[in-house]
């Protein structure tokens, strides 16, 4: 009897596993490449009038209610960043997280990236020019509705820099 039950159970199991599986249909990913391309073109026009000279960047950074935003990795930000900058990793951009860091869509936001700071490959590793972090940062901020964004337009030395730096690696 036990043998019969074992054989029946085995045959049922084999029959079930031999049934062809129905393919699972997953919805399309929430990705809109052509929308991103259109947004990029629109942001590019806006960016032309939102480049900050070093002098303006430094002056504005001292003003009340202006945010200097560092979107590099938290590790690199903790080691060295422009003094007074707040951190939000670019890969963590969402409407909610941006709203926690930036009080209003009209707040003046100053951005910089690795390609703005020279002679410190350890903490400001240079990217290929077309892939500099400022570019997607600007486009994304613009896309989330932050239009008062200004990008530092200079390559500034980290040694003897007019920009004051802060972080664990700053002596």
Foldseek 3Di string as FASTA:
>chain_A
DVVVVVVVVVVVVVVVVPDDDDDDDDDDDPDDVVVLVVLLVVLVVLQVVFADEPVRLVVQLPDPQAAEEEQDDPVLQQAKDQPRHDYDHPVRDDLVVVCVVRVDLAGQYEYEALQQEPDCCPSSNDDPVVVTPVSVVSSVSVVSRNSNYHYHPHRFYPVVTPGDMDHPNDD
